Amino acid sequence: RYDAVFSDEVVRRAFVTREGSTSNGLFFEVVSEVICTADHGFSFSQIICLGLANLCHPDLAIRRRSYSMLETIHEQRSGLLSLSRYEPLVGSHAPSAYLEAHREISRILSGEHPSEAVNILAQFSNWIPRVYDTLEDARPLILLQCLEAWVSSIDLLFEDRSQLTRHGHSAMYHLIALTARYALRFPGQ
């Protein structure tokens, strides 16, 4: 039986927020293995958000597991464009290289799975504050930047431009919440 609250808590604990060997890192190792090899109950948006959040981590092993998760879910959802050309960048020790891979992988995933954009936005809107607000870390900025590609896929208005769609209401709620929380900290976003 699938329990959404339990699933959400499992994935939240798999965000690796510190460098070195941590319980979150070990937990992420198990969760990523389950996602890559077993039948699981995690949603597409949970996997994408966890994968993108950990894909910009400084630890190479964390990034490789994140990449594997993202590649697996992308292929399971019939993604056409390959992520493989970014694997060497993910494996680089240079932040400029692996952060470039992060941006490009997020862009490809958002383009290949645009129907998931509102779910990705909602997931990040809930998780970024819960996971990163107590830390002095640049990753919230990186994750806010990767949302740009996803948000562009959300139809905010009906065709006649008279009112917001259901997804438009949800997107506006989450965008306003993120703006209220991060406008002073990251004014460029």
N, C-alpha and C. Protein backbone atom coordinates (compact mmCIF):
# COMPACT_ATOMS: atom_id res chain seq x y z
N ARG A 1 0.84 -1.18 0.00
CA ARG A 1 0.00 0.00 0.00
C ARG A 1 0.88 1.23 0.00
N TYR A 2 0.58 2.18 -0.89
CA TYR A 2 1.35 3.40 -1.03
C TYR A 2 0.90 4.42 0.01
N ASP A 3 1.84 4.99 0.71
CA ASP A 3 1.56 6.03 1.70
C ASP A 3 2.32 7.28 1.28
N ALA A 4 1.58 8.29 0.83
CA ALA A 4 2.21 9.51 0.30
C ALA A 4 3.03 10.24 1.35
N VAL A 5 2.56 10.28 2.58
CA VAL A 5 3.29 10.98 3.64
C VAL A 5 4.61 10.27 3.93
N PHE A 6 4.56 8.95 4.02
CA PHE A 6 5.76 8.17 4.26
C PHE A 6 6.75 8.35 3.10
N SER A 7 6.26 8.26 1.88
CA SER A 7 7.10 8.41 0.69
C SER A 7 7.77 9.79 0.68
N ASP A 8 7.01 10.81 0.99
CA ASP A 8 7.55 12.17 1.03
C ASP A 8 8.64 12.30 2.09
N GLU A 9 8.42 11.72 3.25
CA GLU A 9 9.41 11.78 4.32
C GLU A 9 10.68 11.00 3.96
N VAL A 10 10.52 9.86 3.32
CA VAL A 10 11.68 9.08 2.89
C VAL A 10 12.54 9.89 1.93
N VAL A 11 11.90 10.49 0.95
CA VAL A 11 12.65 11.26 -0.04
C VAL A 11 13.28 12.49 0.61
N ARG A 12 12.56 13.17 1.49
CA ARG A 12 13.11 14.35 2.17
C ARG A 12 14.38 14.01 2.93
N ARG A 13 14.41 12.86 3.57
CA ARG A 13 15.59 12.45 4.32
C ARG A 13 16.75 12.02 3.42
N ALA A 14 16.46 11.82 2.15
CA ALA A 14 17.51 11.42 1.21
C ALA A 14 18.22 12.61 0.57
N PHE A 15 17.78 13.83 0.88
CA PHE A 15 18.51 15.00 0.42
C PHE A 15 19.83 15.06 1.18
N VAL A 16 20.92 15.12 0.47
CA VAL A 16 22.24 15.15 1.11
C VAL A 16 22.66 16.62 1.20
N THR A 17 22.69 17.13 2.43
CA THR A 17 22.94 18.56 2.62
C THR A 17 24.35 18.86 3.10
N ARG A 18 25.09 17.86 3.51
CA ARG A 18 26.44 18.09 4.03
C ARG A 18 27.44 17.24 3.26
N GLU A 19 28.68 17.67 3.31
CA GLU A 19 29.75 16.89 2.67
C GLU A 19 30.25 15.83 3.64
N GLY A 20 30.91 14.83 3.09
CA GLY A 20 31.45 13.75 3.92
C GLY A 20 30.41 12.66 4.13
N SER A 21 30.78 11.66 4.87
CA SER A 21 29.90 10.53 5.14
C SER A 21 28.87 10.94 6.20
N THR A 22 27.62 10.98 5.79
CA THR A 22 26.54 11.34 6.70
C THR A 22 25.44 10.31 6.62
N SER A 23 24.54 10.35 7.59
CA SER A 23 23.41 9.42 7.55
C SER A 23 22.53 9.71 6.34
N ASN A 24 22.39 11.00 5.96
CA ASN A 24 21.60 11.33 4.77
C ASN A 24 22.25 10.76 3.51
N GLY A 25 23.57 10.81 3.45
CA GLY A 25 24.28 10.25 2.30
C GLY A 25 24.09 8.75 2.18
N LEU A 26 24.18 8.07 3.31
CA LEU A 26 23.96 6.62 3.30
C LEU A 26 22.51 6.28 2.97
N PHE A 27 21.60 7.07 3.51
CA PHE A 27 20.18 6.86 3.23
C PHE A 27 19.89 7.10 1.75
N PHE A 28 20.49 8.16 1.19
CA PHE A 28 20.32 8.44 -0.23
C PHE A 28 20.84 7.29 -1.08
N GLU A 29 21.95 6.69 -0.68
CA GLU A 29 22.50 5.56 -1.41
C GLU A 29 21.46 4.44 -1.52
N VAL A 30 20.78 4.15 -0.44
CA VAL A 30 19.75 3.09 -0.44
C VAL A 30 18.56 3.51 -1.29
N VAL A 31 18.08 4.73 -1.09
CA VAL A 31 16.91 5.20 -1.85
C VAL A 31 17.21 5.22 -3.35
N SER A 32 18.38 5.70 -3.74
CA SER A 32 18.71 5.74 -5.16
C SER A 32 18.81 4.33 -5.75
N GLU A 33 19.33 3.40 -4.97
CA GLU A 33 19.40 2.01 -5.44
C GLU A 33 18.01 1.44 -5.66
N VAL A 34 17.10 1.71 -4.75
CA VAL A 34 15.72 1.25 -4.88
C VAL A 34 15.09 1.86 -6.13
N ILE A 35 15.26 3.16 -6.32
CA ILE A 35 14.67 3.84 -7.47
C ILE A 35 15.22 3.29 -8.78
N CYS A 36 16.50 2.97 -8.81
CA CYS A 36 17.12 2.50 -10.05
C CYS A 36 16.86 1.02 -10.34
N THR A 37 16.57 0.21 -9.33
CA THR A 37 16.52 -1.23 -9.57
C THR A 37 15.23 -1.93 -9.16
N ALA A 38 14.36 -1.27 -8.43
CA ALA A 38 13.18 -1.98 -7.91
C ALA A 38 11.90 -1.24 -8.25
N ASP A 39 10.81 -1.95 -8.07
CA ASP A 39 9.50 -1.33 -8.19
C ASP A 39 9.29 -0.51 -6.91
N HIS A 40 8.95 0.74 -7.06
CA HIS A 40 8.84 1.63 -5.90
C HIS A 40 7.60 2.49 -6.04
N GLY A 41 7.28 3.23 -5.02
CA GLY A 41 6.10 4.08 -5.03
C GLY A 41 6.39 5.56 -5.12
N PHE A 42 7.62 5.93 -5.46
CA PHE A 42 7.97 7.34 -5.53
C PHE A 42 7.41 7.96 -6.81
N SER A 43 6.93 9.18 -6.70
CA SER A 43 6.39 9.86 -7.88
C SER A 43 7.52 10.40 -8.76
N PHE A 44 7.17 10.68 -9.99
CA PHE A 44 8.13 11.26 -10.92
C PHE A 44 8.70 12.55 -10.35
N SER A 45 7.83 13.41 -9.82
CA SER A 45 8.31 14.71 -9.31
C SER A 45 9.21 14.53 -8.10
N GLN A 46 8.94 13.56 -7.25
CA GLN A 46 9.82 13.31 -6.11
C GLN A 46 11.21 12.88 -6.58
N ILE A 47 11.25 11.99 -7.55
CA ILE A 47 12.54 11.49 -8.05
C ILE A 47 13.32 12.60 -8.76
N ILE A 48 12.63 13.38 -9.58
CA ILE A 48 13.31 14.46 -10.30
C ILE A 48 13.85 15.49 -9.31
N CYS A 49 13.05 15.87 -8.34
CA CYS A 49 13.51 16.88 -7.38
C CYS A 49 14.66 16.37 -6.53
N LEU A 50 14.56 15.15 -6.07
CA LEU A 50 15.66 14.57 -5.29
C LEU A 50 16.92 14.45 -6.16
N GLY A 51 16.74 13.98 -7.38
CA GLY A 51 17.87 13.83 -8.29
C GLY A 51 18.54 15.14 -8.61
N LEU A 52 17.75 16.17 -8.93
CA LEU A 52 18.33 17.47 -9.25
C LEU A 52 18.97 18.12 -8.03
N ALA A 53 18.36 17.96 -6.87
CA ALA A 53 18.93 18.55 -5.65
C ALA A 53 20.29 17.93 -5.33
N ASN A 54 20.39 16.63 -5.47
CA ASN A 54 21.65 15.96 -5.14
C ASN A 54 22.64 15.97 -6.31
N LEU A 55 22.17 16.28 -7.51
CA LEU A 55 23.07 16.34 -8.67
C LEU A 55 24.03 17.53 -8.57
N CYS A 56 23.70 18.53 -7.79
CA CYS A 56 24.60 19.68 -7.64
C CYS A 56 25.41 19.59 -6.34
N HIS A 57 25.43 18.42 -5.73
CA HIS A 57 26.21 18.22 -4.50
C HIS A 57 27.70 18.12 -4.85
N PRO A 58 28.58 18.63 -4.00
CA PRO A 58 30.03 18.56 -4.29
C PRO A 58 30.61 17.14 -4.33
N ASP A 59 29.98 16.19 -3.67
CA ASP A 59 30.50 14.83 -3.59
C ASP A 59 30.21 14.07 -4.89
N LEU A 60 31.25 13.55 -5.51
CA LEU A 60 31.13 12.84 -6.79
C LEU A 60 30.21 11.63 -6.72
N ALA A 61 30.31 10.82 -5.67
CA ALA A 61 29.47 9.62 -5.55
C ALA A 61 27.99 10.00 -5.46
N ILE A 62 27.67 11.08 -4.77
CA ILE A 62 26.28 11.55 -4.66
C ILE A 62 25.78 11.97 -6.04
N ARG A 63 26.61 12.73 -6.76
CA ARG A 63 26.21 13.17 -8.10
C ARG A 63 26.00 11.99 -9.04
N ARG A 64 26.87 11.00 -8.98
CA ARG A 64 26.72 9.83 -9.87
C ARG A 64 25.42 9.07 -9.59
N ARG A 65 25.10 8.90 -8.32
CA ARG A 65 23.84 8.23 -7.97
C ARG A 65 22.63 9.06 -8.44
N SER A 66 22.74 10.36 -8.28
CA SER A 66 21.67 11.25 -8.73
C SER A 66 21.48 11.15 -10.24
N TYR A 67 22.58 11.17 -10.95
CA TYR A 67 22.53 11.04 -12.40
C TYR A 67 21.86 9.72 -12.80
N SER A 68 22.24 8.63 -12.14
CA SER A 68 21.65 7.32 -12.45
C SER A 68 20.15 7.32 -12.22
N MET A 69 19.72 7.93 -11.13
CA MET A 69 18.28 8.03 -10.84
C MET A 69 17.56 8.80 -11.94
N LEU A 70 18.11 9.95 -12.30
CA LEU A 70 17.47 10.79 -13.30
C LEU A 70 17.44 10.10 -14.66
N GLU A 71 18.51 9.45 -15.01
CA GLU A 71 18.56 8.72 -16.29
C GLU A 71 17.54 7.58 -16.28
N THR A 72 17.45 6.86 -15.18
CA THR A 72 16.51 5.74 -15.07
C THR A 72 15.07 6.20 -15.22
N ILE A 73 14.68 7.23 -14.46
CA ILE A 73 13.28 7.68 -14.53
C ILE A 73 12.98 8.31 -15.89
N HIS A 74 13.95 8.98 -16.47
CA HIS A 74 13.78 9.58 -17.81
C HIS A 74 13.52 8.48 -18.84
N GLU A 75 14.30 7.42 -18.79
CA GLU A 75 14.10 6.31 -19.73
C GLU A 75 12.79 5.58 -19.46
N GLN A 76 12.42 5.40 -18.20
CA GLN A 76 11.16 4.73 -17.87
C GLN A 76 9.96 5.51 -18.38
N ARG A 77 10.10 6.82 -18.43
CA ARG A 77 9.02 7.69 -18.91
C ARG A 77 9.16 8.01 -20.39
N SER A 78 9.90 7.19 -21.11
CA SER A 78 10.06 7.29 -22.57
C SER A 78 10.69 8.58 -23.03
N GLY A 79 11.64 9.07 -22.27
CA GLY A 79 12.39 10.25 -22.72
C GLY A 79 13.18 9.91 -23.97
N LEU A 80 13.17 10.80 -24.94
CA LEU A 80 13.83 10.53 -26.21
C LEU A 80 15.28 11.01 -26.23
N LEU A 81 15.54 12.18 -25.68
CA LEU A 81 16.90 12.71 -25.69
C LEU A 81 17.72 12.04 -24.60
N SER A 82 18.91 11.65 -24.96
CA SER A 82 19.79 10.98 -24.01
C SER A 82 20.46 11.99 -23.09
N LEU A 83 20.64 11.58 -21.85
CA LEU A 83 21.38 12.38 -20.88
C LEU A 83 22.86 12.01 -20.86
N SER A 84 23.23 10.97 -21.59
CA SER A 84 24.57 10.37 -21.47
C SER A 84 25.70 11.34 -21.82
N ARG A 85 25.45 12.30 -22.67
CA ARG A 85 26.54 13.20 -23.03
C ARG A 85 26.95 14.10 -21.87
N TYR A 86 26.11 14.16 -20.82
CA TYR A 86 26.44 14.98 -19.64
C TYR A 86 27.07 14.17 -18.52
N GLU A 87 27.14 12.86 -18.69
CA GLU A 87 27.72 12.02 -17.64
C GLU A 87 29.17 12.39 -17.32
N PRO A 88 30.02 12.68 -18.32
CA PRO A 88 31.39 13.09 -17.97
C PRO A 88 31.44 14.39 -17.17
N LEU A 89 30.54 15.32 -17.46
CA LEU A 89 30.50 16.56 -16.69
C LEU A 89 30.05 16.31 -15.26
N VAL A 90 29.10 15.40 -15.09
CA VAL A 90 28.64 15.04 -13.75
C VAL A 90 29.81 14.48 -12.95
N GLY A 91 30.69 13.74 -13.61
CA GLY A 91 31.83 13.12 -12.95
C GLY A 91 33.03 14.02 -12.75
N SER A 92 32.91 15.25 -13.18
CA SER A 92 34.03 16.18 -13.04
C SER A 92 34.14 16.69 -11.59
N HIS A 93 35.34 17.04 -11.21
CA HIS A 93 35.55 17.65 -9.89
C HIS A 93 35.40 19.16 -9.94
N ALA A 94 35.27 19.71 -11.13
CA ALA A 94 35.13 21.15 -11.29
C ALA A 94 33.66 21.57 -11.15
N PRO A 95 33.34 22.42 -10.18
CA PRO A 95 31.95 22.85 -10.01
C PRO A 95 31.34 23.44 -11.28
N SER A 96 32.13 24.19 -12.05
CA SER A 96 31.58 24.77 -13.27
C SER A 96 31.10 23.69 -14.23
N ALA A 97 31.77 22.56 -14.26
CA ALA A 97 31.38 21.46 -15.16
C ALA A 97 30.14 20.74 -14.65
N TYR A 98 30.15 20.32 -13.40
CA TYR A 98 28.98 19.56 -12.93
C TYR A 98 27.74 20.44 -12.77
N LEU A 99 27.92 21.73 -12.53
CA LEU A 99 26.75 22.62 -12.47
C LEU A 99 26.20 22.89 -13.87
N GLU A 100 27.08 22.91 -14.88
CA GLU A 100 26.61 23.00 -16.27
C GLU A 100 25.80 21.76 -16.62
N ALA A 101 26.28 20.59 -16.23
CA ALA A 101 25.53 19.35 -16.46
C ALA A 101 24.17 19.42 -15.76
N HIS A 102 24.15 19.94 -14.56
CA HIS A 102 22.90 20.09 -13.81
C HIS A 102 21.90 20.94 -14.60
N ARG A 103 22.34 22.08 -15.08
CA ARG A 103 21.46 22.98 -15.86
C ARG A 103 20.94 22.29 -17.11
N GLU A 104 21.84 21.64 -17.84
CA GLU A 104 21.44 21.01 -19.10
C GLU A 104 20.52 19.81 -18.88
N ILE A 105 20.80 19.03 -17.87
CA ILE A 105 19.95 17.87 -17.57
C ILE A 105 18.56 18.36 -17.16
N SER A 106 18.49 19.39 -16.34
CA SER A 106 17.19 19.94 -15.94
C SER A 106 16.44 20.47 -17.17
N ARG A 107 17.15 21.14 -18.06
CA ARG A 107 16.54 21.67 -19.28
C ARG A 107 15.98 20.55 -20.16
N ILE A 108 16.76 19.48 -20.33
CA ILE A 108 16.30 18.35 -21.14
C ILE A 108 15.08 17.70 -20.50
N LEU A 109 15.15 17.44 -19.20
CA LEU A 109 14.03 16.79 -18.52
C LEU A 109 12.77 17.64 -18.60
N SER A 110 12.91 18.95 -18.43
CA SER A 110 11.72 19.82 -18.49
C SER A 110 11.13 19.83 -19.91
N GLY A 111 11.99 19.79 -20.91
CA GLY A 111 11.50 19.76 -22.29
C GLY A 111 10.87 18.43 -22.67
N GLU A 112 11.38 17.35 -22.13
CA GLU A 112 10.87 16.02 -22.46
C GLU A 112 9.64 15.63 -21.62
N HIS A 113 9.46 16.26 -20.47
CA HIS A 113 8.36 15.89 -19.57
C HIS A 113 7.61 17.14 -19.11
N PRO A 114 7.12 17.97 -20.04
CA PRO A 114 6.50 19.24 -19.66
C PRO A 114 5.21 19.08 -18.84
N SER A 115 4.53 17.97 -18.98
CA SER A 115 3.29 17.77 -18.22
C SER A 115 3.55 17.64 -16.72
N GLU A 116 4.79 17.40 -16.34
CA GLU A 116 5.14 17.26 -14.92
C GLU A 116 5.59 18.58 -14.29
N ALA A 117 5.62 19.65 -15.08
CA ALA A 117 6.19 20.91 -14.61
C ALA A 117 5.52 21.44 -13.34
N VAL A 118 4.20 21.42 -13.30
CA VAL A 118 3.53 21.96 -12.11
C VAL A 118 3.81 21.11 -10.87
N ASN A 119 3.96 19.82 -11.05
CA ASN A 119 4.30 18.94 -9.93
C ASN A 119 5.73 19.17 -9.45
N ILE A 120 6.65 19.41 -10.38
CA ILE A 120 8.04 19.70 -10.03
C ILE A 120 8.11 21.02 -9.26
N LEU A 121 7.41 22.03 -9.75
CA LEU A 121 7.38 23.32 -9.06
C LEU A 121 6.82 23.17 -7.64
N ALA A 122 5.73 22.45 -7.50
CA ALA A 122 5.13 22.25 -6.17
C ALA A 122 6.08 21.50 -5.24
N GLN A 123 6.72 20.47 -5.77
CA GLN A 123 7.64 19.68 -4.96
C GLN A 123 8.81 20.53 -4.47
N PHE A 124 9.43 21.28 -5.38
CA PHE A 124 10.55 22.14 -4.99
C PHE A 124 10.09 23.25 -4.04
N SER A 125 8.93 23.80 -4.28
CA SER A 125 8.41 24.86 -3.42
C SER A 125 8.24 24.38 -1.98
N ASN A 126 7.87 23.15 -1.83
CA ASN A 126 7.72 22.57 -0.49
C ASN A 126 9.05 22.13 0.11
N TRP A 127 9.92 21.58 -0.72
CA TRP A 127 11.15 20.98 -0.19
C TRP A 127 12.29 21.94 0.03
N ILE A 128 12.48 22.92 -0.85
CA ILE A 128 13.62 23.82 -0.70
C ILE A 128 13.63 24.47 0.69
N PRO A 129 12.52 25.04 1.14
CA PRO A 129 12.54 25.64 2.49
C PRO A 129 12.74 24.61 3.60
N ARG A 130 12.14 23.46 3.48
CA ARG A 130 12.25 22.43 4.53
C ARG A 130 13.66 21.87 4.64
N VAL A 131 14.35 21.77 3.53
CA VAL A 131 15.65 21.11 3.51
C VAL A 131 16.80 22.10 3.68
N TYR A 132 16.71 23.25 3.03
CA TYR A 132 17.89 24.12 2.93
C TYR A 132 17.83 25.41 3.75
N ASP A 133 16.69 25.80 4.29
CA ASP A 133 16.61 27.10 4.93
C ASP A 133 17.49 27.25 6.18
N THR A 134 17.82 26.18 6.83
CA THR A 134 18.67 26.28 8.02
C THR A 134 20.15 26.22 7.68
N LEU A 135 20.48 26.07 6.42
CA LEU A 135 21.87 25.94 5.99
C LEU A 135 22.33 27.16 5.21
N GLU A 136 23.58 27.47 5.31
CA GLU A 136 24.19 28.50 4.46
C GLU A 136 24.76 27.75 3.25
N ASP A 137 23.98 27.65 2.23
CA ASP A 137 24.32 26.81 1.09
C ASP A 137 23.85 27.51 -0.18
N ALA A 138 24.56 27.31 -1.26
CA ALA A 138 24.18 27.92 -2.54
C ALA A 138 23.16 27.08 -3.29
N ARG A 139 22.89 25.88 -2.82
CA ARG A 139 22.00 25.01 -3.60
C ARG A 139 20.59 25.54 -3.78
N PRO A 140 20.00 26.26 -2.81
CA PRO A 140 18.67 26.81 -3.13
C PRO A 140 18.68 27.69 -4.37
N LEU A 141 19.73 28.49 -4.54
CA LEU A 141 19.83 29.33 -5.73
C LEU A 141 19.91 28.47 -7.00
N ILE A 142 20.72 27.43 -6.96
CA ILE A 142 20.87 26.54 -8.11
C ILE A 142 19.54 25.88 -8.45
N LEU A 143 18.80 25.46 -7.42
CA LEU A 143 17.51 24.81 -7.65
C LEU A 143 16.46 25.80 -8.14
N LEU A 144 16.49 27.02 -7.62
CA LEU A 144 15.58 28.05 -8.12
C LEU A 144 15.86 28.34 -9.60
N GLN A 145 17.13 28.36 -9.96
CA GLN A 145 17.50 28.59 -11.36
C GLN A 145 17.02 27.46 -12.26
N CYS A 146 17.10 26.23 -11.77
CA CYS A 146 16.68 25.11 -12.62
C CYS A 146 15.16 25.09 -12.80
N LEU A 147 14.43 25.76 -11.92
CA LEU A 147 12.97 25.82 -12.06
C LEU A 147 12.54 26.64 -13.27
N GLU A 148 13.40 27.54 -13.72
CA GLU A 148 13.04 28.39 -14.86
C GLU A 148 12.60 27.56 -16.06
N ALA A 149 13.32 26.51 -16.35
CA ALA A 149 12.97 25.67 -17.51
C ALA A 149 11.64 24.97 -17.30
N TRP A 150 11.36 24.56 -16.06
CA TRP A 150 10.11 23.86 -15.78
C TRP A 150 8.92 24.82 -15.82
N VAL A 151 9.08 26.00 -15.24
CA VAL A 151 7.96 26.95 -15.15
C VAL A 151 7.50 27.38 -16.54
N SER A 152 8.42 27.47 -17.47
CA SER A 152 8.04 27.89 -18.83
C SER A 152 7.10 26.88 -19.51
N SER A 153 7.00 25.67 -18.97
CA SER A 153 6.12 24.65 -19.55
C SER A 153 4.70 24.68 -18.97
N ILE A 154 4.45 25.52 -18.00
CA ILE A 154 3.14 25.56 -17.34
C ILE A 154 2.25 26.57 -18.05
N ASP A 155 1.07 26.12 -18.46
CA ASP A 155 0.08 27.03 -19.05
C ASP A 155 -0.63 27.74 -17.91
N LEU A 156 -0.31 29.02 -17.75
CA LEU A 156 -0.90 29.79 -16.66
C LEU A 156 -2.32 30.23 -16.96
N LEU A 157 -2.59 30.58 -18.22
CA LEU A 157 -3.89 31.13 -18.60
C LEU A 157 -4.59 30.25 -19.62
N PHE A 158 -5.92 30.34 -19.64
CA PHE A 158 -6.68 29.71 -20.70
C PHE A 158 -6.36 30.40 -22.02
N GLU A 159 -6.72 29.79 -23.13
CA GLU A 159 -6.37 30.34 -24.44
C GLU A 159 -6.90 31.76 -24.65
N ASP A 160 -8.08 32.06 -24.11
CA ASP A 160 -8.64 33.41 -24.29
C ASP A 160 -8.02 34.44 -23.33
N ARG A 161 -7.09 33.99 -22.51
CA ARG A 161 -6.35 34.84 -21.57
C ARG A 161 -7.26 35.55 -20.55
N SER A 162 -8.42 34.95 -20.27
CA SER A 162 -9.39 35.58 -19.37
C SER A 162 -9.17 35.22 -17.90
N GLN A 163 -8.59 34.06 -17.65
CA GLN A 163 -8.39 33.66 -16.26
C GLN A 163 -7.31 32.56 -16.17
N LEU A 164 -6.86 32.35 -14.94
CA LEU A 164 -5.84 31.33 -14.70
C LEU A 164 -6.43 29.93 -14.83
N THR A 165 -5.61 29.02 -15.34
CA THR A 165 -5.99 27.61 -15.37
C THR A 165 -5.80 27.03 -13.96
N ARG A 166 -6.22 25.80 -13.76
CA ARG A 166 -6.00 25.13 -12.47
C ARG A 166 -4.50 25.04 -12.18
N HIS A 167 -3.72 24.65 -13.18
CA HIS A 167 -2.27 24.61 -13.02
C HIS A 167 -1.70 26.02 -12.83
N GLY A 168 -2.31 27.00 -13.48
CA GLY A 168 -1.88 28.38 -13.33
C GLY A 168 -2.05 28.87 -11.90
N HIS A 169 -3.17 28.52 -11.28
CA HIS A 169 -3.40 28.89 -9.87
C HIS A 169 -2.34 28.26 -8.98
N SER A 170 -2.10 26.98 -9.19
CA SER A 170 -1.10 26.27 -8.39
C SER A 170 0.29 26.87 -8.60
N ALA A 171 0.64 27.12 -9.84
CA ALA A 171 1.96 27.68 -10.15
C ALA A 171 2.12 29.05 -9.52
N MET A 172 1.11 29.89 -9.62
CA MET A 172 1.20 31.23 -9.03
C MET A 172 1.36 31.15 -7.52
N TYR A 173 0.63 30.26 -6.89
CA TYR A 173 0.76 30.08 -5.44
C TYR A 173 2.20 29.73 -5.07
N HIS A 174 2.76 28.74 -5.75
CA HIS A 174 4.11 28.30 -5.43
C HIS A 174 5.18 29.33 -5.80
N LEU A 175 4.99 30.03 -6.92
CA LEU A 175 5.94 31.06 -7.31
C LEU A 175 5.92 32.24 -6.33
N ILE A 176 4.73 32.62 -5.88
CA ILE A 176 4.64 33.70 -4.90
C ILE A 176 5.26 33.27 -3.57
N ALA A 177 5.02 32.03 -3.17
CA ALA A 177 5.62 31.53 -1.93
C ALA A 177 7.15 31.54 -2.02
N LEU A 178 7.69 31.09 -3.14
CA LEU A 178 9.15 31.11 -3.32
C LEU A 178 9.69 32.53 -3.37
N THR A 179 8.95 33.42 -4.04
CA THR A 179 9.38 34.82 -4.12
C THR A 179 9.39 35.47 -2.74
N ALA A 180 8.33 35.25 -1.97
CA ALA A 180 8.25 35.83 -0.63
C ALA A 180 9.39 35.33 0.25
N ARG A 181 9.75 34.08 0.10
CA ARG A 181 10.78 33.49 0.95
C ARG A 181 12.20 33.86 0.50
N TYR A 182 12.43 33.96 -0.82
CA TYR A 182 13.81 34.09 -1.31
C TYR A 182 14.12 35.40 -2.04
N ALA A 183 13.18 36.32 -2.15
CA ALA A 183 13.43 37.55 -2.90
C ALA A 183 14.58 38.37 -2.35
N LEU A 184 14.70 38.45 -1.05
CA LEU A 184 15.79 39.23 -0.45
C LEU A 184 17.11 38.48 -0.50
N ARG A 185 17.07 37.17 -0.34
CA ARG A 185 18.29 36.37 -0.32
C ARG A 185 18.88 36.20 -1.72
N PHE A 186 18.00 36.03 -2.70
CA PHE A 186 18.43 35.83 -4.10
C PHE A 186 17.65 36.78 -5.00
N PRO A 187 17.94 38.07 -4.99
CA PRO A 187 17.13 39.04 -5.71
C PRO A 187 17.10 38.84 -7.23
N GLY A 188 18.10 38.20 -7.81
CA GLY A 188 18.14 37.96 -9.24
C GLY A 188 17.18 36.88 -9.71
N GLN A 189 16.63 36.13 -8.79
CA GLN A 189 15.75 35.03 -9.16
C GLN A 189 14.31 35.40 -8.96
